[in-house]
Amino acid sequence: MPFLTISTGSQWKQTDAKKKAREDKQAEADKIRKLHGYDRKEKSDPNRPHDFWDTQPVPKFDAADPTSSEEGPMEEKHVDEVQKEPYALPNDFYWVSMEVTDEEELKEIYTLLYENYVEDDDNMFRFDYSREFLQWALMPPGYHKDWHVGVRMKSKKPGKKDKLVAFITGIPADVAVQTASRGKHQQIMCEVNFLCCWKKLRGKRLAPMLIKEVTRRVNVLDVWQAVYTAGIELPKPISTCRYYHRSLNPKKLISVGFSRLAPRMTMKMTQKLYAVPKEPQLKGIRTMEMKDTESACDLLNDYLSKFSLHPVFSLAEFQYWMMPREGVINTYVITDESGKVTDLCGFYTLPSTIIGNPEYNTLKAAYSYYNVASTVSLDDLMYDALILAKQLDFDVFNALDLMDNASFIEKLKFGIGDGNLQYYLYNFRAPSFNPNQTGLVLL
């Protein structure tokens, strides 16, 4: 998932000597990166070969949308055809299934991701998934421990624990996909996430091995399709969404280089522009409780059904994903006189470490999750979401332009980010979708 730093092309002046020195130092680092080619963005070449993905059941870059006879699985197999043993790794490495309920193993996963997972293009921010977030993301109803795949490297020092150097996960999810010939096709898929390799081992082709091994483990349980996202373009996206962000603490965001002061704007003017009221504006909006979940689940499933790609939640799954968890997920509802949920909004917490900034260590970011407005406008509902996020000291509120989000992005002063998020289906061919036809949020 790419970061949402905004590029305005403007330069902002600082009078503070220390800040000016940091700015000069960062500019010099940017110059060096550009000289070495690190800032170049390669565009996908439809004719470029892909050693790994060309062997997988996914459409090629130049593939047209499928005809009605081509829709559905790209290859059909039976569990009996699946390799029973894990794929071979080099001698110093071996496969493990990570136990996320074990504090020590969870700490290893956290450390691997913290030190090696997604950074922004300028190496200024790095995702900081909390242990609580990781447990939430990886332990939904029906999860399989064997789908939390790790690679350990044998230690050369006696008595030292073998290091976790690579990781990939899958979780089961009921997903519906719109096709022309089959209508809405619904089935259990694997949501793939957290593909990560130790930086020192990049270039060793561990990532393809991780994908092959998690695929094997998923296939063993008679699951043949998967959905995943990436900030880079692979063969072939089924949908491409854009990131947007809404400043809640503009002074901090500008100070750490997340955003820039706009031309002819002072800091005071910028803070006033992004200020929100101290209290929510909608009557009756409150934190969701367990008593609300049945009607809220029905509301969300009914809303999602209009999109071309979306999850289908059982009550247990809805309760798992949407019930508030401190520091992880916040969900709010509005109910009618009978107690039935009529409106719903949620956002999850995903902070980032700020690299090399002497003033701030953490950027606290809220990410829009699932939102349904039926008795109030979506603009008003999301405005209250911003207010509620500000109450919790979030610095920025991020959203993709999927579902109906595009309708409030401009009105609520969201700025366009510098990254896209591509959606992919594995072993399932369907027509491509626009962002506003996409109803699935992957963590």
Protein backbone atom coordinates (compact mmCIF):
# COMPACT_ATOMS: atom_id res chain seq x y z
CA MET A 1 0.00 0.00 0.00
CA PRO A 2 1.73 3.22 -1.12
CA PHE A 3 2.00 6.31 0.99
CA LEU A 4 -0.05 9.40 0.42
CA THR A 5 2.50 12.17 0.32
CA ILE A 6 1.20 14.95 -1.86
CA SER A 7 3.20 16.70 -4.55
CA THR A 8 2.16 20.28 -5.26
CA GLY A 9 5.28 21.38 -7.11
CA SER A 10 5.54 24.42 -4.88
CA GLN A 11 8.41 25.35 -2.59
CA TRP A 12 7.75 26.47 0.93
CA LYS A 13 10.06 28.80 2.80
CA GLN A 14 11.19 28.38 6.38
CA THR A 15 12.76 31.03 8.53
CA ASP A 16 13.76 28.70 11.32
CA ALA A 17 17.46 27.89 10.84
CA LYS A 18 17.26 24.29 12.02
CA LYS A 19 14.30 23.52 9.78
CA LYS A 20 16.03 25.18 6.85
CA ALA A 21 19.12 23.03 7.46
CA ARG A 22 16.99 19.87 7.48
CA GLU A 23 15.30 20.98 4.28
CA ASP A 24 18.66 21.51 2.58
CA LYS A 25 19.89 18.13 3.79
CA GLN A 26 16.76 16.41 2.47
CA ALA A 27 17.08 18.20 -0.88
CA GLU A 28 20.66 16.97 -1.19
CA ALA A 29 19.56 13.41 -0.38
CA ASP A 30 16.80 13.68 -3.02
CA LYS A 31 19.36 14.91 -5.55
CA ILE A 32 21.64 11.94 -4.84
CA ARG A 33 18.73 9.50 -5.18
CA LYS A 34 17.79 10.97 -8.53
CA LEU A 35 21.37 10.80 -9.77
CA HIS A 36 21.39 7.10 -8.92
CA GLY A 37 18.03 6.51 -10.56
CA TYR A 38 16.09 5.65 -7.42
CA ASP A 39 13.29 8.09 -8.15
CA ARG A 40 12.53 6.88 -11.63
CA LYS A 41 9.05 5.42 -12.09
CA GLU A 42 8.98 2.60 -14.59
CA LYS A 43 5.79 2.33 -16.56
CA SER A 44 4.44 -1.11 -17.27
CA ASP A 45 5.38 -2.37 -20.70
CA PRO A 46 2.71 -4.74 -22.04
CA ASN A 47 5.37 -6.59 -24.03
CA ARG A 48 7.85 -6.92 -21.18
CA PRO A 49 8.25 -10.55 -20.06
CA HIS A 50 7.59 -11.46 -16.43
CA ASP A 51 9.57 -14.54 -15.44
CA PHE A 52 7.22 -15.39 -12.59
CA TRP A 53 3.81 -13.95 -13.45
CA ASP A 54 3.90 -15.31 -17.01
CA THR A 55 3.75 -18.79 -15.43
CA GLN A 56 0.72 -17.98 -13.27
CA PRO A 57 -3.03 -18.03 -14.06
CA VAL A 58 -3.39 -14.26 -14.39
CA PRO A 59 -4.16 -12.19 -17.52
CA LYS A 60 -1.24 -10.63 -19.36
CA PHE A 61 -0.92 -6.83 -19.48
CA ASP A 62 -2.20 -6.60 -23.04
CA ALA A 63 -5.12 -9.00 -22.50
CA ALA A 64 -8.53 -7.58 -23.45
CA ASP A 65 -11.49 -8.00 -21.15
CA PRO A 66 -12.69 -11.61 -21.39
CA THR A 67 -15.57 -12.70 -23.57
CA SER A 68 -18.47 -14.37 -21.81
CA SER A 69 -17.02 -17.82 -22.57
CA GLU A 70 -13.63 -16.83 -21.08
CA GLU A 71 -14.93 -15.57 -17.75
CA GLY A 72 -14.26 -17.54 -14.59
CA PRO A 73 -11.32 -19.70 -13.49
CA MET A 74 -8.32 -19.66 -15.82
CA GLU A 75 -7.29 -23.17 -14.81
CA GLU A 76 -9.21 -25.98 -13.15
CA LYS A 77 -7.46 -28.40 -10.79
CA HIS A 78 -8.31 -30.95 -8.14
CA VAL A 79 -6.83 -31.20 -4.66
CA ASP A 80 -5.26 -34.53 -5.63
CA GLU A 81 -3.07 -32.68 -8.14
CA VAL A 82 -1.60 -30.34 -5.53
CA GLN A 83 1.96 -30.93 -4.39
CA LYS A 84 1.77 -32.27 -0.84
CA GLU A 85 5.23 -31.18 0.32
CA PRO A 86 6.44 -27.56 0.59
CA TYR A 87 8.58 -26.19 -2.20
CA ALA A 88 12.31 -26.66 -1.78
CA LEU A 89 14.32 -23.75 -0.38
CA PRO A 90 18.11 -23.25 -0.33
CA ASN A 91 19.89 -25.17 2.41
CA ASP A 92 20.09 -22.29 4.88
CA PHE A 93 16.33 -21.60 4.77
CA TYR A 94 13.19 -23.46 5.79
CA TRP A 95 9.43 -22.90 5.91
CA VAL A 96 7.44 -22.23 9.09
CA SER A 97 3.81 -21.51 9.93
CA MET A 98 3.76 -18.46 12.14
CA GLU A 99 1.57 -18.48 15.24
CA VAL A 100 0.21 -14.97 15.68
CA THR A 101 -1.26 -15.80 19.09
CA ASP A 102 2.28 -16.41 20.37
CA GLU A 103 3.76 -13.14 21.67
CA GLU A 104 7.32 -14.02 20.68
CA GLU A 105 6.39 -15.01 17.12
CA LEU A 106 4.10 -12.00 16.79
CA LYS A 107 7.01 -9.79 17.83
CA GLU A 108 9.17 -11.37 15.11
CA ILE A 109 6.50 -10.65 12.49
CA TYR A 110 6.16 -7.09 13.73
CA THR A 111 9.93 -6.54 13.61
CA LEU A 112 10.30 -7.98 10.10
CA LEU A 113 7.50 -5.77 8.76
CA TYR A 114 8.66 -2.70 10.68
CA GLU A 115 12.20 -2.94 9.36
CA ASN A 116 11.52 -4.18 5.82
CA TYR A 117 7.95 -3.51 4.68
CA VAL A 118 6.48 -0.66 2.64
CA GLU A 119 8.20 2.72 2.62
CA ASP A 120 7.30 5.79 0.60
CA ASP A 121 9.30 6.62 -2.52
CA ASP A 122 11.48 9.11 -0.64
CA ASN A 123 12.19 6.78 2.29
CA MET A 124 10.69 9.24 4.77
CA PHE A 125 7.83 7.11 6.15
CA ARG A 126 7.45 3.42 6.97
CA PHE A 127 4.26 1.60 7.96
CA ASP A 128 4.17 0.65 11.64
CA TYR A 129 1.57 -2.09 12.01
CA SER A 130 0.86 -2.63 15.71
CA ARG A 131 0.79 -6.14 17.16
CA GLU A 132 -2.92 -5.67 17.88
CA PHE A 133 -3.52 -4.65 14.27
CA LEU A 134 -1.66 -7.70 12.96
CA GLN A 135 -3.71 -10.06 15.12
CA TRP A 136 -6.91 -8.37 13.92
CA ALA A 137 -5.81 -8.57 10.28
CA LEU A 138 -4.76 -12.22 10.43
CA MET A 139 -7.26 -13.99 12.69
CA PRO A 140 -10.78 -13.62 11.21
CA PRO A 141 -13.32 -16.42 11.67
CA GLY A 142 -12.09 -19.58 9.94
CA TYR A 143 -8.48 -18.41 9.54
CA HIS A 144 -5.79 -21.02 8.90
CA LYS A 145 -2.47 -20.89 10.72
CA ASP A 146 -0.78 -22.61 7.77
CA TRP A 147 -1.67 -19.63 5.58
CA HIS A 148 0.64 -17.43 7.71
CA VAL A 149 3.80 -18.48 5.94
CA GLY A 150 7.28 -17.61 7.13
CA VAL A 151 10.83 -18.39 6.06
CA ARG A 152 13.58 -18.75 8.64
CA MET A 153 17.30 -18.57 8.00
CA LYS A 154 19.43 -21.00 10.00
CA SER A 155 21.66 -19.25 12.49
CA LYS A 156 25.39 -19.84 12.29
CA LYS A 157 25.78 -19.02 15.99
CA PRO A 158 25.08 -21.87 18.44
CA GLY A 159 22.09 -21.20 20.65
CA LYS A 160 20.82 -18.25 18.62
CA LYS A 161 17.27 -18.49 17.28
CA ASP A 162 16.89 -18.81 13.53
CA LYS A 163 15.88 -15.45 12.07
CA LEU A 164 12.52 -14.82 10.39
CA VAL A 165 13.53 -13.35 7.02
CA ALA A 166 10.39 -13.54 4.87
CA PHE A 167 6.64 -13.61 5.35
CA ILE A 168 3.36 -13.78 3.44
CA THR A 169 -0.20 -14.31 4.62
CA GLY A 170 -3.58 -15.42 3.42
CA ILE A 171 -6.98 -15.26 5.07
CA PRO A 172 -10.26 -16.72 3.81
CA ALA A 173 -12.95 -14.33 2.61
CA ASP A 174 -16.31 -14.65 0.89
CA VAL A 175 -15.93 -12.46 -2.21
CA ALA A 176 -18.37 -11.63 -5.00
CA VAL A 177 -17.25 -10.70 -8.53
CA GLN A 178 -19.49 -9.34 -11.28
CA THR A 179 -19.26 -11.18 -14.60
CA ALA A 180 -21.20 -10.69 -17.84
CA SER A 181 -22.14 -14.32 -18.35
CA ARG A 182 -22.43 -15.62 -14.78
CA GLY A 183 -23.87 -12.55 -13.11
CA LYS A 184 -22.53 -12.08 -9.58
CA HIS A 185 -20.13 -14.94 -8.86
CA GLN A 186 -19.62 -15.51 -5.11
CA GLN A 187 -17.10 -17.87 -3.53
CA ILE A 188 -14.47 -18.29 -0.83
CA MET A 189 -11.18 -16.74 -1.90
CA CYS A 190 -7.87 -16.11 -0.22
CA GLU A 191 -6.97 -12.50 0.56
CA VAL A 192 -3.18 -12.30 0.25
CA ASN A 193 -1.23 -9.68 2.19
CA PHE A 194 2.01 -8.76 3.98
CA LEU A 195 4.47 -10.09 1.38
CA CYS A 196 7.78 -9.06 2.90
CA CYS A 197 11.44 -10.09 2.59
CA TRP A 198 14.46 -9.09 4.64
CA LYS A 199 16.15 -6.26 2.74
CA LYS A 200 19.50 -8.08 2.67
CA LEU A 201 17.90 -10.96 0.76
CA ARG A 202 16.09 -8.98 -1.91
CA GLY A 203 17.11 -10.17 -5.35
CA LYS A 204 17.32 -13.77 -4.09
CA ARG A 205 13.92 -14.63 -5.67
CA LEU A 206 12.29 -15.35 -2.31
CA ALA A 207 9.10 -13.44 -3.18
CA PRO A 208 8.04 -15.83 -5.99
CA MET A 209 8.72 -18.76 -3.68
CA LEU A 210 6.53 -17.22 -0.99
CA ILE A 211 3.69 -16.72 -3.47
CA LYS A 212 4.00 -20.28 -4.78
CA GLU A 213 4.07 -21.76 -1.29
CA VAL A 214 1.09 -19.83 0.05
CA THR A 215 -0.78 -20.77 -3.16
CA ARG A 216 0.04 -24.44 -2.57
CA ARG A 217 -1.22 -24.27 1.01
CA VAL A 218 -4.42 -22.53 -0.09
CA ASN A 219 -5.00 -25.08 -2.88
CA VAL A 220 -4.57 -27.98 -0.45
CA LEU A 221 -7.75 -26.72 1.24
CA ASP A 222 -9.60 -26.64 -2.10
CA VAL A 223 -9.47 -22.85 -2.49
CA TRP A 224 -8.34 -21.81 -5.98
CA GLN A 225 -8.93 -18.09 -6.30
CA ALA A 226 -7.29 -15.14 -4.53
CA VAL A 227 -7.57 -11.37 -4.34
CA TYR A 228 -4.70 -9.04 -3.53
CA THR A 229 -3.52 -5.47 -3.97
CA ALA A 230 -0.20 -3.83 -4.76
CA GLY A 231 1.18 -0.35 -5.18
CA ILE A 232 3.08 -1.53 -8.25
CA GLU A 233 1.53 -2.65 -11.51
CA LEU A 234 1.63 -6.38 -12.18
CA PRO A 235 -0.17 -8.45 -14.83
CA LYS A 236 -3.05 -7.49 -14.81
CA PRO A 237 -5.05 -5.15 -12.54
CA ILE A 238 -8.79 -5.66 -12.44
CA SER A 239 -9.22 -2.20 -10.92
CA THR A 240 -6.96 0.75 -10.13
CA CYS A 241 -7.87 3.11 -7.31
CA ARG A 242 -6.26 6.36 -6.26
CA TYR A 243 -5.23 7.52 -2.81
CA TYR A 244 -6.41 10.79 -1.31
CA HIS A 245 -5.70 12.33 2.05
CA ARG A 246 -7.29 14.91 4.25
CA SER A 247 -5.09 16.94 6.59
CA LEU A 248 -6.15 17.03 10.23
CA ASN A 249 -2.86 18.33 11.63
CA PRO A 250 -1.44 20.34 8.71
CA LYS A 251 1.38 21.96 10.71
CA LYS A 252 2.83 18.55 11.58
CA LEU A 253 2.28 17.14 8.09
CA ILE A 254 4.16 20.04 6.53
CA SER A 255 6.91 19.88 9.14
CA VAL A 256 7.68 16.22 8.41
CA GLY A 257 7.46 16.59 4.63
CA PHE A 258 4.23 14.66 4.16
CA SER A 259 2.69 17.68 2.44
CA ARG A 260 3.74 21.17 1.35
CA LEU A 261 2.46 24.61 2.07
CA ALA A 262 0.46 25.75 -0.95
CA PRO A 263 1.41 28.89 -2.87
CA ARG A 264 0.23 32.14 -1.29
CA MET A 265 -0.84 30.28 1.85
CA THR A 266 0.51 30.94 5.33
CA MET A 267 0.57 28.29 8.04
CA LYS A 268 -2.20 30.08 9.90
CA MET A 269 -4.38 30.16 6.78
CA THR A 270 -3.70 26.45 6.17
CA GLN A 271 -4.62 25.48 9.73
CA LYS A 272 -7.86 27.45 9.42
CA LEU A 273 -8.63 25.79 6.07
CA TYR A 274 -8.40 22.29 7.53
CA ALA A 275 -9.93 23.00 10.93
CA VAL A 276 -12.98 20.93 11.93
CA PRO A 277 -15.50 21.38 14.75
CA LYS A 278 -14.72 19.86 18.14
CA GLU A 279 -17.90 17.77 18.22
CA PRO A 280 -19.77 15.67 15.60
CA GLN A 281 -22.56 17.47 13.76
CA LEU A 282 -24.98 14.61 13.13
CA LYS A 283 -27.63 13.90 15.72
CA GLY A 284 -27.30 10.52 17.41
CA ILE A 285 -23.98 9.39 15.93
CA ARG A 286 -22.18 7.14 18.42
CA THR A 287 -19.74 4.26 18.74
CA MET A 288 -21.16 0.96 17.48
CA GLU A 289 -22.10 -1.63 20.12
CA MET A 290 -22.67 -5.36 19.82
CA LYS A 291 -26.44 -4.83 19.90
CA ASP A 292 -26.15 -2.85 16.65
CA THR A 293 -24.26 -5.44 14.64
CA GLU A 294 -27.09 -7.50 13.17
CA SER A 295 -28.85 -4.59 11.47
CA ALA A 296 -25.51 -2.95 10.65
CA CYS A 297 -24.34 -6.12 8.92
CA ASP A 298 -27.51 -6.23 6.83
CA LEU A 299 -27.10 -2.55 5.96
CA LEU A 300 -23.49 -3.01 4.82
CA ASN A 301 -24.11 -6.19 2.79
CA ASP A 302 -27.05 -4.56 1.02
CA TYR A 303 -24.93 -1.51 0.19
CA LEU A 304 -21.94 -3.52 -1.04
CA SER A 305 -24.08 -5.67 -3.33
CA LYS A 306 -24.26 -2.85 -5.90
CA PHE A 307 -20.51 -3.04 -6.59
CA SER A 308 -18.69 -5.33 -9.02
CA LEU A 309 -16.12 -6.59 -6.49
CA HIS A 310 -17.04 -6.81 -2.84
CA PRO A 311 -16.95 -9.00 0.27
CA VAL A 312 -20.03 -10.72 1.68
CA PHE A 313 -20.00 -10.69 5.48
CA SER A 314 -21.56 -13.23 7.78
CA LEU A 315 -22.69 -11.75 11.10
CA ALA A 316 -19.65 -13.27 12.84
CA GLU A 317 -17.31 -11.80 10.22
CA PHE A 318 -18.96 -8.39 10.41
CA GLN A 319 -18.65 -8.38 14.19
CA TYR A 320 -15.01 -9.38 13.91
CA TRP A 321 -14.03 -6.76 11.34
CA MET A 322 -16.21 -3.84 12.42
CA MET A 323 -16.60 -3.95 16.21
CA PRO A 324 -14.42 -1.19 17.70
CA ARG A 325 -10.97 -2.16 19.00
CA GLU A 326 -8.89 0.48 20.71
CA GLY A 327 -6.03 1.61 18.52
CA VAL A 328 -7.17 -0.62 15.64
CA ILE A 329 -10.69 0.01 14.30
CA ASN A 330 -13.30 2.66 15.10
CA THR A 331 -16.90 2.25 13.95
CA TYR A 332 -19.81 4.63 14.43
CA VAL A 333 -23.53 4.29 13.75
CA ILE A 334 -26.76 6.22 13.63
CA THR A 335 -29.95 4.32 14.52
CA ASP A 336 -33.66 4.95 14.08
CA GLU A 337 -36.25 4.99 16.87
CA SER A 338 -36.45 1.19 16.86
CA GLY A 339 -32.67 0.82 17.25
CA LYS A 340 -32.04 -0.28 13.66
CA VAL A 341 -28.78 0.99 12.20
CA THR A 342 -29.42 3.39 9.32
CA ASP A 343 -25.94 4.85 8.81
CA LEU A 344 -22.47 3.45 9.40
CA CYS A 345 -18.89 4.68 9.13
CA GLY A 346 -15.57 3.14 10.08
CA PHE A 347 -11.86 3.82 9.89
CA TYR A 348 -8.83 1.82 10.97
CA THR A 349 -5.55 2.95 12.52
CA LEU A 350 -2.29 2.51 10.62
CA PRO A 351 0.51 4.78 11.84
CA SER A 352 3.82 5.31 10.09
CA THR A 353 7.25 5.84 11.54
CA ILE A 354 8.76 9.15 10.46
CA ILE A 355 12.33 8.44 9.44
CA GLY A 356 15.08 10.87 10.40
CA ASN A 357 12.94 13.70 11.79
CA PRO A 358 14.16 15.13 15.12
CA GLU A 359 10.75 16.55 16.11
CA TYR A 360 8.32 13.72 15.37
CA ASN A 361 8.56 9.93 15.44
CA THR A 362 5.08 8.84 14.37
CA LEU A 363 2.49 9.89 11.82
CA LYS A 364 -0.93 8.81 13.06
CA ALA A 365 -3.11 7.98 10.07
CA ALA A 366 -6.76 6.93 9.87
CA TYR A 367 -7.83 4.91 6.83
CA SER A 368 -11.41 4.96 5.61
CA TYR A 369 -12.92 1.46 5.82
CA TYR A 370 -16.62 0.84 5.10
CA ASN A 371 -19.21 3.63 5.12
CA VAL A 372 -22.95 3.56 4.40
CA ALA A 373 -25.23 6.60 4.44
CA SER A 374 -28.97 6.08 4.04
CA THR A 375 -30.68 8.78 6.15
CA VAL A 376 -27.93 11.41 6.01
CA SER A 377 -25.67 12.51 3.16
CA LEU A 378 -22.36 10.71 2.72
CA ASP A 379 -20.66 14.13 2.84
CA ASP A 380 -22.09 14.82 6.29
CA LEU A 381 -21.31 11.31 7.54
CA MET A 382 -17.69 11.53 6.45
CA TYR A 383 -17.35 15.06 7.83
CA ASP A 384 -18.26 13.61 11.21
CA ALA A 385 -15.73 10.83 10.61
CA LEU A 386 -13.07 13.55 10.20
CA ILE A 387 -14.21 15.21 13.42
CA LEU A 388 -14.15 11.91 15.31
CA ALA A 389 -10.68 11.12 13.95
CA LYS A 390 -9.45 14.57 15.00
CA GLN A 391 -10.82 13.91 18.51
CA LEU A 392 -8.57 10.84 18.60
CA ASP A 393 -5.52 12.90 17.59
CA PHE A 394 -5.09 11.53 14.07
CA ASP A 395 -2.84 13.63 11.86
CA VAL A 396 -4.35 12.65 8.52
CA PHE A 397 -7.41 10.81 7.20
CA ASN A 398 -6.78 8.69 4.08
CA ALA A 399 -9.28 7.30 1.59
CA LEU A 400 -9.33 5.54 -1.76
CA ASP A 401 -11.67 6.70 -4.51
CA LEU A 402 -13.53 3.38 -4.48
CA MET A 403 -17.21 2.79 -3.69
CA ASP A 404 -18.93 6.20 -3.45
CA ASN A 405 -15.92 7.94 -1.90
CA ALA A 406 -15.28 10.17 -4.93
CA SER A 407 -18.48 12.06 -4.09
CA PHE A 408 -17.02 13.55 -0.89
CA ILE A 409 -13.30 13.75 -1.66
CA GLU A 410 -13.30 17.25 -3.16
CA LYS A 411 -16.01 18.68 -0.95
CA LEU A 412 -14.21 17.62 2.23
CA LYS A 413 -10.84 18.99 1.08
CA PHE A 414 -9.02 15.73 0.42
CA GLY A 415 -5.83 16.15 -1.59
CA ILE A 416 -4.73 13.69 -4.25
CA GLY A 417 -1.86 11.46 -3.20
CA ASP A 418 1.05 10.24 -5.28
CA GLY A 419 0.16 6.56 -5.41
CA ASN A 420 -2.34 4.14 -6.92
CA LEU A 421 -3.53 0.86 -5.49
CA GLN A 422 -4.03 -1.92 -8.02
CA TYR A 423 -6.52 -4.75 -7.35
CA TYR A 424 -5.84 -8.23 -8.71
CA LEU A 425 -7.65 -11.55 -8.99
CA TYR A 426 -5.67 -14.78 -9.11
CA ASN A 427 -7.01 -17.58 -11.31
CA PHE A 428 -10.23 -15.76 -12.14
CA ARG A 429 -10.90 -13.80 -15.30
CA ALA A 430 -13.53 -11.04 -15.16
CA PRO A 431 -14.09 -7.65 -16.80
CA SER A 432 -12.08 -4.78 -15.34
CA PHE A 433 -13.85 -2.34 -13.01
CA ASN A 434 -13.71 1.38 -12.39
CA PRO A 435 -12.87 2.55 -8.86
CA ASN A 436 -16.51 3.39 -8.18
CA GLN A 437 -17.41 -0.22 -8.98
CA THR A 438 -14.93 -1.56 -6.45
CA GLY A 439 -16.34 -2.33 -3.01
CA LEU A 440 -13.50 -4.20 -1.30
CA VAL A 441 -11.04 -2.71 1.19
CA LEU A 442 -7.92 -4.78 1.92
CA LEU A 443 -5.78 -3.84 4.91
